[in-house]
Amino acid sequence: MKDRGVKRDNAGNYPLIARVRADAVLVEYGFVTNSGDNALFDANLSAMAKATAEAVQEVYGVQGESAPSSTPAPATPNPPTSPSPAATTYKVAKGDTMTWIAKKLGVTLAALIAANPQVKNPTG
């Protein structure tokens, strides 16, 4: 397949995920323009999917399985335990999630939720 380079906007961001506040990754395995590209893609699909899954597992420090499990994986990985946050004021913006705020402040999601009992549905 022909290398078509990396596409970014004028600010140097990847347009499809530039405004996502959650963990995000954009994977493009190839740009299929002919039957040869398509055959190459089809022949390597499982290997590409496996490599992607292993990379995500490595980033989040989770152990993978060779076959799908009947038990679904957690929706978000558990960040490392950290002490309860000191009194900090953060102005919530539209689109912020508790997970994103916890990462921004360097605390665990559990600590952020515990420090904000007034939030009625912190993970919803």
PDB file of N, CA and C in Angstrom:
ATOM      1  N   MET A   1       0.837  -1.181   0.000  1.00  0.00           N
ATOM      2  CA  MET A   1       0.000   0.000   0.000  1.00  0.00           C
ATOM      3  C   MET A   1       0.880   1.241   0.000  1.00  0.00           C
ATOM      4  N   LYS A   2       0.443   2.242  -0.676  1.00  0.00           N
ATOM      5  CA  LYS A   2       1.176   3.496  -0.762  1.00  0.00           C
ATOM      6  C   LYS A   2       1.026   4.284   0.548  1.00  0.00           C
ATOM      7  N   ASP A   3       2.118   4.800   1.059  1.00  0.00           N
ATOM      8  CA  ASP A   3       2.095   5.633   2.262  1.00  0.00           C
ATOM      9  C   ASP A   3       1.581   7.016   1.878  1.00  0.00           C
ATOM     10  N   ARG A   4       0.450   7.406   2.427  1.00  0.00           N
ATOM     11  CA  ARG A   4      -0.133   8.707   2.112  1.00  0.00           C
ATOM     12  C   ARG A   4       0.149   9.744   3.194  1.00  0.00           C
ATOM     13  N   GLY A   5       0.977   9.388   4.154  1.00  0.00           N
ATOM     14  CA  GLY A   5       1.372  10.340   5.189  1.00  0.00           C
ATOM     15  C   GLY A   5       0.329  10.519   6.270  1.00  0.00           C
ATOM     16  N   VAL A   6       0.648  11.400   7.204  1.00  0.00           N
ATOM     17  CA  VAL A   6      -0.221  11.698   8.339  1.00  0.00           C
ATOM     18  C   VAL A   6      -1.000  12.971   8.043  1.00  0.00           C
ATOM     19  N   LYS A   7      -2.285  12.942   8.271  1.00  0.00           N
ATOM     20  CA  LYS A   7      -3.146  14.100   8.017  1.00  0.00           C
ATOM     21  C   LYS A   7      -3.468  14.783   9.342  1.00  0.00           C
ATOM     22  N   ARG A   8      -3.082  16.047   9.451  1.00  0.00           N
ATOM     23  CA  ARG A   8      -3.357  16.839  10.655  1.00  0.00           C
ATOM     24  C   ARG A   8      -3.960  18.173  10.252  1.00  0.00           C
ATOM     25  N   ASP A   9      -4.622  18.821  11.216  1.00  0.00           N
ATOM     26  CA  ASP A   9      -5.168  20.152  10.935  1.00  0.00           C
ATOM     27  C   ASP A   9      -4.076  21.210  11.118  1.00  0.00           C
ATOM     28  N   ASN A  10      -4.414  22.473  10.954  1.00  0.00           N
ATOM     29  CA  ASN A  10      -3.427  23.555  11.041  1.00  0.00           C
ATOM     30  C   ASN A  10      -2.777  23.674  12.414  1.00  0.00           C
ATOM     31  N   ALA A  11      -3.462  23.187  13.460  1.00  0.00           N
ATOM     32  CA  ALA A  11      -2.914  23.239  14.819  1.00  0.00           C
ATOM     33  C   ALA A  11      -2.047  22.015  15.119  1.00  0.00           C
ATOM     34  N   GLY A  12      -1.937  21.086  14.175  1.00  0.00           N
ATOM     35  CA  GLY A  12      -1.136  19.886  14.387  1.00  0.00           C
ATOM     36  C   GLY A  12      -1.883  18.749  15.036  1.00  0.00           C
ATOM     37  N   ASN A  13      -3.202  18.873  15.146  1.00  0.00           N
ATOM     38  CA  ASN A  13      -4.028  17.837  15.765  1.00  0.00           C
ATOM     39  C   ASN A  13      -4.595  16.900  14.698  1.00  0.00           C
ATOM     40  N   TYR A  14      -5.020  15.742  15.135  1.00  0.00           N
ATOM     41  CA  TYR A  14      -5.735  14.822  14.256  1.00  0.00           C
ATOM     42  C   TYR A  14      -7.207  15.237  14.305  1.00  0.00           C
ATOM     43  N   PRO A  15      -7.780  15.731  13.215  1.00  0.00           N
ATOM     44  CA  PRO A  15      -9.124  16.306  13.243  1.00  0.00           C
ATOM     45  C   PRO A  15     -10.214  15.394  13.818  1.00  0.00           C
ATOM     46  N   LEU A  16     -10.141  14.094  13.569  1.00  0.00           N
ATOM     47  CA  LEU A  16     -11.212  13.212  14.028  1.00  0.00           C
ATOM     48  C   LEU A  16     -11.255  13.041  15.536  1.00  0.00           C
ATOM     49  N   ILE A  17     -10.140  13.264  16.217  1.00  0.00           N
ATOM     50  CA  ILE A  17     -10.122  13.075  17.676  1.00  0.00           C
ATOM     51  C   ILE A  17      -9.613  14.295  18.423  1.00  0.00           C
ATOM     52  N   ALA A  18      -9.485  15.429  17.755  1.00  0.00           N
ATOM     53  CA  ALA A  18      -8.894  16.626  18.372  1.00  0.00           C
ATOM     54  C   ALA A  18      -9.673  17.114  19.580  1.00  0.00           C
ATOM     55  N   ARG A  19     -10.979  16.988  19.580  1.00  0.00           N
ATOM     56  CA  ARG A  19     -11.782  17.539  20.675  1.00  0.00           C
ATOM     57  C   ARG A  19     -12.319  16.483  21.636  1.00  0.00           C
ATOM     58  N   VAL A  20     -11.893  15.259  21.489  1.00  0.00           N
ATOM     59  CA  VAL A  20     -12.340  14.182  22.367  1.00  0.00           C
ATOM     60  C   VAL A  20     -11.651  14.341  23.714  1.00  0.00           C
ATOM     61  N   ARG A  21     -12.413  14.317  24.786  1.00  0.00           N
ATOM     62  CA  ARG A  21     -11.832  14.497  26.114  1.00  0.00           C
ATOM     63  C   ARG A  21     -11.543  13.173  26.810  1.00  0.00           C
ATOM     64  N   ALA A  22     -11.969  12.091  26.222  1.00  0.00           N
ATOM     65  CA  ALA A  22     -11.667  10.775  26.775  1.00  0.00           C
ATOM     66  C   ALA A  22     -10.406  10.247  26.088  1.00  0.00           C
ATOM     67  N   ASP A  23      -9.880   9.147  26.590  1.00  0.00           N
ATOM     68  CA  ASP A  23      -8.772   8.519  25.898  1.00  0.00           C
ATOM     69  C   ASP A  23      -9.238   8.175  24.492  1.00  0.00           C
ATOM     70  N   ALA A  24      -8.427   8.450  23.504  1.00  0.00           N
ATOM     71  CA  ALA A  24      -8.822   8.180  22.121  1.00  0.00           C
ATOM     72  C   ALA A  24      -7.606   7.790  21.304  1.00  0.00           C
ATOM     73  N   VAL A  25      -7.849   6.963  20.344  1.00  0.00           N
ATOM     74  CA  VAL A  25      -6.811   6.581  19.397  1.00  0.00           C
ATOM     75  C   VAL A  25      -7.465   6.468  18.028  1.00  0.00           C
ATOM     76  N   LEU A  26      -6.752   6.887  17.025  1.00  0.00           N
ATOM     77  CA  LEU A  26      -7.228   6.788  15.657  1.00  0.00           C
ATOM     78  C   LEU A  26      -6.290   5.835  14.942  1.00  0.00           C
ATOM     79  N   VAL A  27      -6.823   4.736  14.455  1.00  0.00           N
ATOM     80  CA  VAL A  27      -6.011   3.734  13.779  1.00  0.00           C
ATOM     81  C   VAL A  27      -6.438   3.680  12.319  1.00  0.00           C
ATOM     82  N   GLU A  28      -5.480   3.862  11.443  1.00  0.00           N
ATOM     83  CA  GLU A  28      -5.745   3.668  10.021  1.00  0.00           C
ATOM     84  C   GLU A  28      -4.768   2.614   9.542  1.00  0.00           C
ATOM     85  N   TYR A  29      -5.286   1.465   9.202  1.00  0.00           N
ATOM     86  CA  TYR A  29      -4.436   0.359   8.784  1.00  0.00           C
ATOM     87  C   TYR A  29      -3.938   0.529   7.359  1.00  0.00           C
ATOM     88  N   GLY A  30      -4.640   1.270   6.580  1.00  0.00           N
ATOM     89  CA  GLY A  30      -4.221   1.475   5.205  1.00  0.00           C
ATOM     90  C   GLY A  30      -5.306   2.187   4.433  1.00  0.00           C
ATOM     91  N   PHE A  31      -4.940   2.701   3.306  1.00  0.00           N
ATOM     92  CA  PHE A  31      -5.884   3.376   2.421  1.00  0.00           C
ATOM     93  C   PHE A  31      -6.048   2.481   1.205  1.00  0.00           C
ATOM     94  N   VAL A  32      -7.193   1.850   1.098  1.00  0.00           N
ATOM     95  CA  VAL A  32      -7.435   0.867   0.048  1.00  0.00           C
ATOM     96  C   VAL A  32      -7.905   1.577  -1.216  1.00  0.00           C
ATOM     97  N   THR A  33      -7.099   1.456  -2.267  1.00  0.00           N
ATOM     98  CA  THR A  33      -7.461   2.112  -3.530  1.00  0.00           C
ATOM     99  C   THR A  33      -7.608   1.141  -4.689  1.00  0.00           C
ATOM    100  N   ASN A  34      -7.263  -0.137  -4.467  1.00  0.00           N
ATOM    101  CA  ASN A  34      -7.381  -1.106  -5.557  1.00  0.00           C
ATOM    102  C   ASN A  34      -7.530  -2.508  -4.984  1.00  0.00           C
ATOM    103  N   SER A  35      -7.750  -3.484  -5.842  1.00  0.00           N
ATOM    104  CA  SER A  35      -7.987  -4.861  -5.377  1.00  0.00           C
ATOM    105  C   SER A  35      -6.743  -5.448  -4.713  1.00  0.00           C
ATOM    106  N   GLY A  36      -5.544  -5.030  -5.139  1.00  0.00           N
ATOM    107  CA  GLY A  36      -4.320  -5.508  -4.496  1.00  0.00           C
ATOM    108  C   GLY A  36      -4.226  -5.022  -3.061  1.00  0.00           C
ATOM    109  N   ASP A  37      -4.538  -3.735  -2.836  1.00  0.00           N
ATOM    110  CA  ASP A  37      -4.570  -3.191  -1.470  1.00  0.00           C
ATOM    111  C   ASP A  37      -5.606  -3.930  -0.634  1.00  0.00           C
ATOM    112  N   ASN A  38      -6.764  -4.184  -1.245  1.00  0.00           N
ATOM    113  CA  ASN A  38      -7.844  -4.859  -0.530  1.00  0.00           C
ATOM    114  C   ASN A  38      -7.423  -6.268  -0.122  1.00  0.00           C
ATOM    115  N   ALA A  39      -6.767  -6.983  -1.015  1.00  0.00           N
ATOM    116  CA  ALA A  39      -6.308  -8.344  -0.709  1.00  0.00           C
ATOM    117  C   ALA A  39      -5.274  -8.314   0.418  1.00  0.00           C
ATOM    118  N   LEU A  40      -4.361  -7.346   0.369  1.00  0.00           N
ATOM    119  CA  LEU A  40      -3.350  -7.200   1.412  1.00  0.00           C
ATOM    120  C   LEU A  40      -3.999  -6.891   2.758  1.00  0.00           C
ATOM    121  N   PHE A  41      -4.977  -6.010   2.739  1.00  0.00           N
ATOM    122  CA  PHE A  41      -5.719  -5.668   3.955  1.00  0.00           C
ATOM    123  C   PHE A  41      -6.412  -6.902   4.516  1.00  0.00           C
ATOM    124  N   ASP A  42      -7.156  -7.614   3.656  1.00  0.00           N
ATOM    125  CA  ASP A  42      -7.883  -8.814   4.096  1.00  0.00           C
ATOM    126  C   ASP A  42      -6.947  -9.873   4.661  1.00  0.00           C
ATOM    127  N   ALA A  43      -5.799 -10.051   4.038  1.00  0.00           N
ATOM    128  CA  ALA A  43      -4.855 -11.081   4.470  1.00  0.00           C
ATOM    129  C   ALA A  43      -4.226 -10.756   5.826  1.00  0.00           C
ATOM    130  N   ASN A  44      -4.190  -9.482   6.185  1.00  0.00           N
ATOM    131  CA  ASN A  44      -3.515  -9.071   7.420  1.00  0.00           C
ATOM    132  C   ASN A  44      -4.443  -8.527   8.498  1.00  0.00           C
ATOM    133  N   LEU A  45      -5.736  -8.594   8.282  1.00  0.00           N
ATOM    134  CA  LEU A  45      -6.690  -8.005   9.215  1.00  0.00           C
ATOM    135  C   LEU A  45      -6.537  -8.555  10.630  1.00  0.00           C
ATOM    136  N   SER A  46      -6.459  -9.870  10.783  1.00  0.00           N
ATOM    137  CA  SER A  46      -6.333 -10.457  12.131  1.00  0.00           C
ATOM    138  C   SER A  46      -5.058 -10.011  12.817  1.00  0.00           C
ATOM    139  N   ALA A  47      -3.959  -9.969  12.086  1.00  0.00           N
ATOM    140  CA  ALA A  47      -2.683  -9.547  12.675  1.00  0.00           C
ATOM    141  C   ALA A  47      -2.740  -8.086  13.098  1.00  0.00           C
ATOM    142  N   MET A  48      -3.387  -7.245  12.284  1.00  0.00           N
ATOM    143  CA  MET A  48      -3.498  -5.829  12.626  1.00  0.00           C
ATOM    144  C   MET A  48      -4.382  -5.638  13.851  1.00  0.00           C
ATOM    145  N   ALA A  49      -5.484  -6.365  13.914  1.00  0.00           N
ATOM    146  CA  ALA A  49      -6.379  -6.265  15.068  1.00  0.00           C
ATOM    147  C   ALA A  49      -5.677  -6.739  16.333  1.00  0.00           C
ATOM    148  N   LYS A  50      -4.921  -7.827  16.231  1.00  0.00           N
ATOM    149  CA  LYS A  50      -4.193  -8.348  17.388  1.00  0.00           C
ATOM    150  C   LYS A  50      -3.145  -7.340  17.855  1.00  0.00           C
ATOM    151  N   ALA A  51      -2.419  -6.739  16.925  1.00  0.00           N
ATOM    152  CA  ALA A  51      -1.404  -5.749  17.288  1.00  0.00           C
ATOM    153  C   ALA A  51      -2.035  -4.537  17.974  1.00  0.00           C
ATOM    154  N   THR A  52      -3.191  -4.121  17.493  1.00  0.00           N
ATOM    155  CA  THR A  52      -3.890  -2.988  18.102  1.00  0.00           C
ATOM    156  C   THR A  52      -4.325  -3.329  19.526  1.00  0.00           C
ATOM    157  N   ALA A  53      -4.918  -4.499  19.706  1.00  0.00           N
ATOM    158  CA  ALA A  53      -5.369  -4.932  21.033  1.00  0.00           C
ATOM    159  C   ALA A  53      -4.188  -5.023  22.000  1.00  0.00           C
ATOM    160  N   GLU A  54      -3.074  -5.576  21.536  1.00  0.00           N
ATOM    161  CA  GLU A  54      -1.900  -5.697  22.400  1.00  0.00           C
ATOM    162  C   GLU A  54      -1.336  -4.327  22.778  1.00  0.00           C
ATOM    163  N   ALA A  55      -1.379  -3.387  21.859  1.00  0.00           N
ATOM    164  CA  ALA A  55      -0.891  -2.033  22.164  1.00  0.00           C
ATOM    165  C   ALA A  55      -1.764  -1.368  23.226  1.00  0.00           C
ATOM    166  N   VAL A  56      -3.072  -1.513  23.100  1.00  0.00           N
ATOM    167  CA  VAL A  56      -3.991  -0.934  24.091  1.00  0.00           C
ATOM    168  C   VAL A  56      -3.770  -1.595  25.449  1.00  0.00           C
ATOM    169  N   GLN A  57      -3.604  -2.907  25.456  1.00  0.00           N
ATOM    170  CA  GLN A  57      -3.353  -3.612  26.707  1.00  0.00           C
ATOM    171  C   GLN A  57      -2.057  -3.135  27.352  1.00  0.00           C
ATOM    172  N   GLU A  58      -1.036  -2.897  26.541  1.00  0.00           N
ATOM    173  CA  GLU A  58       0.244  -2.430  27.072  1.00  0.00           C
ATOM    174  C   GLU A  58       0.106  -1.034  27.679  1.00  0.00           C
ATOM    175  N   VAL A  59      -0.612  -0.156  27.008  1.00  0.00           N
ATOM    176  CA  VAL A  59      -0.785   1.207  27.510  1.00  0.00           C
ATOM    177  C   VAL A  59      -1.502   1.206  28.856  1.00  0.00           C
ATOM    178  N   TYR A  60      -2.526   0.358  28.989  1.00  0.00           N
ATOM    179  CA  TYR A  60      -3.314   0.332  30.221  1.00  0.00           C
ATOM    180  C   TYR A  60      -2.833  -0.704  31.232  1.00  0.00           C
ATOM    181  N   GLY A  61      -1.805  -1.447  30.890  1.00  0.00           N
ATOM    182  CA  GLY A  61      -1.240  -2.410  31.827  1.00  0.00           C
ATOM    183  C   GLY A  61      -2.187  -3.532  32.175  1.00  0.00           C
ATOM    184  N   VAL A  62      -2.944  -4.003  31.192  1.00  0.00           N
ATOM    185  CA  VAL A  62      -3.858  -5.116  31.435  1.00  0.00           C
ATOM    186  C   VAL A  62      -3.378  -6.350  30.693  1.00  0.00           C
ATOM    187  N   GLN A  63      -3.752  -7.503  31.217  1.00  0.00           N
ATOM    188  CA  GLN A  63      -3.388  -8.777  30.611  1.00  0.00           C
ATOM    189  C   GLN A  63      -4.438  -9.134  29.579  1.00  0.00           C
ATOM    190  N   GLY A  64      -4.010  -9.542  28.418  1.00  0.00           N
ATOM    191  CA  GLY A  64      -4.949  -9.911  27.360  1.00  0.00           C
ATOM    192  C   GLY A  64      -5.272 -11.390  27.374  1.00  0.00           C
ATOM    193  N   GLU A  65      -6.229 -11.750  26.570  1.00  0.00           N
ATOM    194  CA  GLU A  65      -6.630 -13.137  26.399  1.00  0.00           C
ATOM    195  C   GLU A  65      -6.536 -13.474  24.928  1.00  0.00           C
ATOM    196  N   SER A  66      -6.304 -14.738  24.635  1.00  0.00           N
ATOM    197  CA  SER A  66      -6.184 -15.131  23.235  1.00  0.00           C
ATOM    198  C   SER A  66      -7.538 -15.289  22.572  1.00  0.00           C
ATOM    199  N   ALA A  67      -8.581 -15.481  23.350  1.00  0.00           N
ATOM    200  CA  ALA A  67      -9.928 -15.625  22.796  1.00  0.00           C
ATOM    201  C   ALA A  67     -10.866 -14.699  23.564  1.00  0.00           C
ATOM    202  N   PRO A  68     -11.970 -14.286  22.946  1.00  0.00           N
ATOM    203  CA  PRO A  68     -12.910 -13.416  23.660  1.00  0.00           C
ATOM    204  C   PRO A  68     -13.386 -14.073  24.944  1.00  0.00           C
ATOM    205  N   SER A  69     -13.541 -13.267  25.960  1.00  0.00           N
ATOM    206  CA  SER A  69     -13.991 -13.741  27.258  1.00  0.00           C
ATOM    207  C   SER A  69     -15.492 -13.565  27.375  1.00  0.00           C
ATOM    208  N   SER A  70     -16.120 -14.402  28.193  1.00  0.00           N
ATOM    209  CA  SER A  70     -17.554 -14.229  28.437  1.00  0.00           C
ATOM    210  C   SER A  70     -17.791 -13.091  29.424  1.00  0.00           C
ATOM    211  N   THR A  71     -16.725 -12.680  30.112  1.00  0.00           N
ATOM    212  CA  THR A  71     -16.818 -11.557  31.035  1.00  0.00           C
ATOM    213  C   THR A  71     -16.305 -10.309  30.334  1.00  0.00           C
ATOM    214  N   PRO A  72     -17.159  -9.308  30.161  1.00  0.00           N
ATOM    215  CA  PRO A  72     -16.697  -8.102  29.460  1.00  0.00           C
ATOM    216  C   PRO A  72     -15.628  -7.360  30.255  1.00  0.00           C
ATOM    217  N   ALA A  73     -14.730  -6.733  29.544  1.00  0.00           N
ATOM    218  CA  ALA A  73     -13.691  -5.929  30.174  1.00  0.00           C
ATOM    219  C   ALA A  73     -14.315  -4.665  30.732  1.00  0.00           C
ATOM    220  N   PRO A  74     -13.712  -4.062  31.756  1.00  0.00           N
ATOM    221  CA  PRO A  74     -14.255  -2.812  32.280  1.00  0.00           C
ATOM    222  C   PRO A  74     -14.230  -1.724  31.205  1.00  0.00           C
ATOM    223  N   ALA A  75     -15.195  -0.819  31.272  1.00  0.00           N
ATOM    224  CA  ALA A  75     -15.302   0.241  30.273  1.00  0.00           C
ATOM    225  C   ALA A  75     -14.107   1.174  30.318  1.00  0.00           C
ATOM    226  N   THR A  76     -13.587   1.441  31.498  1.00  0.00           N
ATOM    227  CA  THR A  76     -12.407   2.289  31.624  1.00  0.00           C
ATOM    228  C   THR A  76     -11.409   1.584  32.519  1.00  0.00           C
ATOM    229  N   PRO A  77     -10.129   1.670  32.199  1.00  0.00           N
ATOM    230  CA  PRO A  77      -9.133   1.033  33.048  1.00  0.00           C
ATOM    231  C   PRO A  77      -9.035   1.751  34.386  1.00  0.00           C
ATOM    232  N   ASN A  78      -8.627   1.004  35.408  1.00  0.00           N
ATOM    233  CA  ASN A  78      -8.461   1.597  36.727  1.00  0.00           C
ATOM    234  C   ASN A  78      -7.112   2.298  36.787  1.00  0.00           C
ATOM    235  N   PRO A  79      -7.097   3.607  36.995  1.00  0.00           N
ATOM    236  CA  PRO A  79      -5.817   4.304  37.101  1.00  0.00           C
ATOM    237  C   PRO A  79      -5.123   3.940  38.398  1.00  0.00           C
ATOM    238  N   PRO A  80      -3.823   4.205  38.507  1.00  0.00           N
ATOM    239  CA  PRO A  80      -3.122   3.891  39.744  1.00  0.00           C
ATOM    240  C   PRO A  80      -3.729   4.630  40.927  1.00  0.00           C
ATOM    241  N   THR A  81      -3.656   4.001  42.086  1.00  0.00           N
ATOM    242  CA  THR A  81      -4.202   4.609  43.295  1.00  0.00           C
ATOM    243  C   THR A  81      -3.380   5.830  43.669  1.00  0.00           C
ATOM    244  N   SER A  82      -4.073   6.869  44.071  1.00  0.00           N
ATOM    245  CA  SER A  82      -3.383   8.066  44.529  1.00  0.00           C
ATOM    246  C   SER A  82      -4.111   8.597  45.753  1.00  0.00           C
ATOM    247  N   PRO A  83      -3.458   9.438  46.525  1.00  0.00           N
ATOM    248  CA  PRO A  83      -4.116   9.971  47.719  1.00  0.00           C
ATOM    249  C   PRO A  83      -5.316  10.838  47.348  1.00  0.00           C
ATOM    250  N   SER A  84      -6.178  11.044  48.320  1.00  0.00           N
ATOM    251  CA  SER A  84      -7.330  11.910  48.092  1.00  0.00           C
ATOM    252  C   SER A  84      -6.851  13.287  47.673  1.00  0.00           C
ATOM    253  N   PRO A  85      -7.597  13.908  46.756  1.00  0.00           N
ATOM    254  CA  PRO A  85      -7.142  15.214  46.271  1.00  0.00           C
ATOM    255  C   PRO A  85      -7.232  16.279  47.355  1.00  0.00           C
ATOM    256  N   ALA A  86      -6.291  17.200  47.329  1.00  0.00           N
ATOM    257  CA  ALA A  86      -6.361  18.366  48.207  1.00  0.00           C
ATOM    258  C   ALA A  86      -7.488  19.239  47.669  1.00  0.00           C
ATOM    259  N   ALA A  87      -7.933  20.168  48.455  1.00  0.00           N
ATOM    260  CA  ALA A  87      -9.013  21.050  48.012  1.00  0.00           C
ATOM    261  C   ALA A  87      -8.566  21.779  46.751  1.00  0.00           C
ATOM    262  N   THR A  88      -9.190  21.472  45.645  1.00  0.00           N
ATOM    263  CA  THR A  88      -8.881  22.078  44.359  1.00  0.00           C
ATOM    264  C   THR A  88     -10.186  22.463  43.696  1.00  0.00           C
ATOM    265  N   THR A  89     -10.207  23.631  43.090  1.00  0.00           N
ATOM    266  CA  THR A  89     -11.394  24.053  42.366  1.00  0.00           C
ATOM    267  C   THR A  89     -11.132  23.891  40.880  1.00  0.00           C
ATOM    268  N   TYR A  90     -12.044  23.231  40.206  1.00  0.00           N
ATOM    269  CA  TYR A  90     -11.957  23.050  38.762  1.00  0.00           C
ATOM    270  C   TYR A  90     -13.307  23.436  38.173  1.00  0.00           C
ATOM    271  N   LYS A  91     -13.303  24.316  37.206  1.00  0.00           N
ATOM    272  CA  LYS A  91     -14.546  24.718  36.551  1.00  0.00           C
ATOM    273  C   LYS A  91     -14.849  23.717  35.443  1.00  0.00           C
ATOM    274  N   VAL A  92     -15.945  23.006  35.586  1.00  0.00           N
ATOM    275  CA  VAL A  92     -16.331  21.974  34.629  1.00  0.00           C
ATOM    276  C   VAL A  92     -16.824  22.632  33.353  1.00  0.00           C
ATOM    277  N   ALA A  93     -16.338  22.134  32.235  1.00  0.00           N
ATOM    278  CA  ALA A  93     -16.755  22.631  30.924  1.00  0.00           C
ATOM    279  C   ALA A  93     -17.633  21.577  30.250  1.00  0.00           C
ATOM    280  N   LYS A  94     -18.460  22.006  29.339  1.00  0.00           N
ATOM    281  CA  LYS A  94     -19.329  21.092  28.597  1.00  0.00           C
ATOM    282  C   LYS A  94     -18.459  20.021  27.940  1.00  0.00           C
ATOM    283  N   GLY A  95     -18.839  18.768  28.123  1.00  0.00           N
ATOM    284  CA  GLY A  95     -18.103  17.651  27.541  1.00  0.00           C
ATOM    285  C   GLY A  95     -17.108  17.005  28.489  1.00  0.00           C
ATOM    286  N   ASP A  96     -16.798  17.665  29.614  1.00  0.00           N
ATOM    287  CA  ASP A  96     -15.882  17.070  30.581  1.00  0.00           C
ATOM    288  C   ASP A  96     -16.498  15.815  31.183  1.00  0.00           C
ATOM    289  N   THR A  97     -15.684  14.835  31.436  1.00  0.00           N
ATOM    290  CA  THR A  97     -16.121  13.642  32.160  1.00  0.00           C
ATOM    291  C   THR A  97     -15.324  13.560  33.451  1.00  0.00           C
ATOM    292  N   MET A  98     -15.845  12.822  34.408  1.00  0.00           N
ATOM    293  CA  MET A  98     -15.124  12.652  35.665  1.00  0.00           C
ATOM    294  C   MET A  98     -13.771  11.980  35.408  1.00  0.00           C
ATOM    295  N   THR A  99     -13.741  11.034  34.493  1.00  0.00           N
ATOM    296  CA  THR A  99     -12.486  10.353  34.163  1.00  0.00           C
ATOM    297  C   THR A  99     -11.475  11.345  33.625  1.00  0.00           C
ATOM    298  N   TRP A 100     -11.892  12.207  32.711  1.00  0.00           N
ATOM    299  CA  TRP A 100     -10.990  13.186  32.112  1.00  0.00           C
ATOM    300  C   TRP A 100     -10.496  14.180  33.162  1.00  0.00           C
ATOM    301  N   ILE A 101     -11.403  14.639  34.027  1.00  0.00           N
ATOM    302  CA  ILE A 101     -11.024  15.595  35.073  1.00  0.00           C
ATOM    303  C   ILE A 101     -10.029  14.946  36.040  1.00  0.00           C
ATOM    304  N   ALA A 102     -10.283  13.688  36.417  1.00  0.00           N
ATOM    305  CA  ALA A 102      -9.370  12.983  37.329  1.00  0.00           C
ATOM    306  C   ALA A 102      -7.972  12.904  36.729  1.00  0.00           C
ATOM    307  N   LYS A 103      -7.897  12.557  35.457  1.00  0.00           N
ATOM    308  CA  LYS A 103      -6.583  12.482  34.809  1.00  0.00           C
ATOM    309  C   LYS A 103      -5.927  13.855  34.757  1.00  0.00           C
ATOM    310  N   LYS A 104      -6.700  14.875  34.429  1.00  0.00           N
ATOM    311  CA  LYS A 104      -6.155  16.240  34.348  1.00  0.00           C
ATOM    312  C   LYS A 104      -5.604  16.683  35.701  1.00  0.00           C
ATOM    313  N   LEU A 105      -6.298  16.329  36.777  1.00  0.00           N
ATOM    314  CA  LEU A 105      -5.870  16.733  38.118  1.00  0.00           C
ATOM    315  C   LEU A 105      -4.864  15.771  38.738  1.00  0.00           C
ATOM    316  N   GLY A 106      -4.629  14.630  38.092  1.00  0.00           N
ATOM    317  CA  GLY A 106      -3.663  13.665  38.612  1.00  0.00           C
ATOM    318  C   GLY A 106      -4.144  12.889  39.812  1.00  0.00           C
ATOM    319  N   VAL A 107      -5.446  12.605  39.859  1.00  0.00           N
ATOM    320  CA  VAL A 107      -6.007  11.813  40.953  1.00  0.00           C
ATOM    321  C   VAL A 107      -6.773  10.638  40.363  1.00  0.00           C
ATOM    322  N   THR A 108      -7.099   9.673  41.207  1.00  0.00           N
ATOM    323  CA  THR A 108      -7.896   8.549  40.719  1.00  0.00           C
ATOM    324  C   THR A 108      -9.350   8.987  40.565  1.00  0.00           C
ATOM    325  N   LEU A 109     -10.060   8.278  39.733  1.00  0.00           N
ATOM    326  CA  LEU A 109     -11.485   8.548  39.551  1.00  0.00           C
ATOM    327  C   LEU A 109     -12.220   8.350  40.874  1.00  0.00           C
ATOM    328  N   ALA A 110     -11.865   7.296  41.609  1.00  0.00           N
ATOM    329  CA  ALA A 110     -12.521   7.029  42.898  1.00  0.00           C
ATOM    330  C   ALA A 110     -12.311   8.181  43.878  1.00  0.00           C
ATOM    331  N   ALA A 111     -11.099   8.741  43.911  1.00  0.00           N
ATOM    332  CA  ALA A 111     -10.816   9.859  44.816  1.00  0.00           C
ATOM    333  C   ALA A 111     -11.606  11.097  44.410  1.00  0.00           C
ATOM    334  N   LEU A 112     -11.716  11.343  43.108  1.00  0.00           N
ATOM    335  CA  LEU A 112     -12.469  12.504  42.635  1.00  0.00           C
ATOM    336  C   LEU A 112     -13.952  12.356  42.976  1.00  0.00           C
ATOM    337  N   ILE A 113     -14.485  11.174  42.780  1.00  0.00           N
ATOM    338  CA  ILE A 113     -15.902  10.930  43.114  1.00  0.00           C
ATOM    339  C   ILE A 113     -16.119  11.099  44.613  1.00  0.00           C
ATOM    340  N   ALA A 114     -15.208  10.552  45.423  1.00  0.00           N
ATOM    341  CA  ALA A 114     -15.339  10.666  46.883  1.00  0.00           C
ATOM    342  C   ALA A 114     -15.275  12.127  47.332  1.00  0.00           C
ATOM    343  N   ALA A 115     -14.488  12.941  46.630  1.00  0.00           N
ATOM    344  CA  ALA A 115     -14.354  14.350  46.996  1.00  0.00           C
ATOM    345  C   ALA A 115     -15.520  15.203  46.504  1.00  0.00           C
ATOM    346  N   ASN A 116     -16.398  14.607  45.707  1.00  0.00           N
ATOM    347  CA  ASN A 116     -17.536  15.347  45.134  1.00  0.00           C
ATOM    348  C   ASN A 116     -18.838  14.586  45.328  1.00  0.00           C
ATOM    349  N   PRO A 117     -19.250  14.396  46.601  1.00  0.00           N
ATOM    350  CA  PRO A 117     -20.471  13.607  46.875  1.00  0.00           C
ATOM    351  C   PRO A 117     -21.738  14.284  46.323  1.00  0.00           C
ATOM    352  N   GLN A 118     -21.661  15.571  46.008  1.00  0.00           N
ATOM    353  CA  GLN A 118     -22.841  16.267  45.490  1.00  0.00           C
ATOM    354  C   GLN A 118     -23.180  15.847  44.059  1.00  0.00           C
ATOM    355  N   VAL A 119     -22.243  15.211  43.352  1.00  0.00           N
ATOM    356  CA  VAL A 119     -22.492  14.772  41.983  1.00  0.00           C
ATOM    357  C   VAL A 119     -23.338  13.501  42.059  1.00  0.00           C
ATOM    358  N   LYS A 120     -24.560  13.583  41.530  1.00  0.00           N
ATOM    359  CA  LYS A 120     -25.521  12.492  41.695  1.00  0.00           C
ATOM    360  C   LYS A 120     -25.209  11.263  40.841  1.00  0.00           C
ATOM    361  N   ASN A 121     -24.720  11.441  39.628  1.00  0.00           N
ATOM    362  CA  ASN A 121     -24.426  10.321  38.744  1.00  0.00           C
ATOM    363  C   ASN A 121     -23.040  10.539  38.137  1.00  0.00           C
ATOM    364  N   PRO A 122     -21.974  10.305  38.923  1.00  0.00           N
ATOM    365  CA  PRO A 122     -20.636  10.679  38.493  1.00  0.00           C
ATOM    366  C   PRO A 122     -20.088   9.913  37.290  1.00  0.00           C
ATOM    367  N   THR A 123     -20.587   8.729  37.050  1.00  0.00           N
ATOM    368  CA  THR A 123     -20.073   7.954  35.924  1.00  0.00           C
ATOM    369  C   THR A 123     -21.054   7.866  34.780  1.00  0.00           C
ATOM    370  N   GLY A 124     -22.176   8.526  34.872  1.00  0.00           N
ATOM    371  CA  GLY A 124     -23.196   8.439  33.827  1.00  0.00           C
ATOM    372  C   GLY A 124     -23.175   9.590  32.978  1.00  0.00           C
TER     373      GLY A 124
END
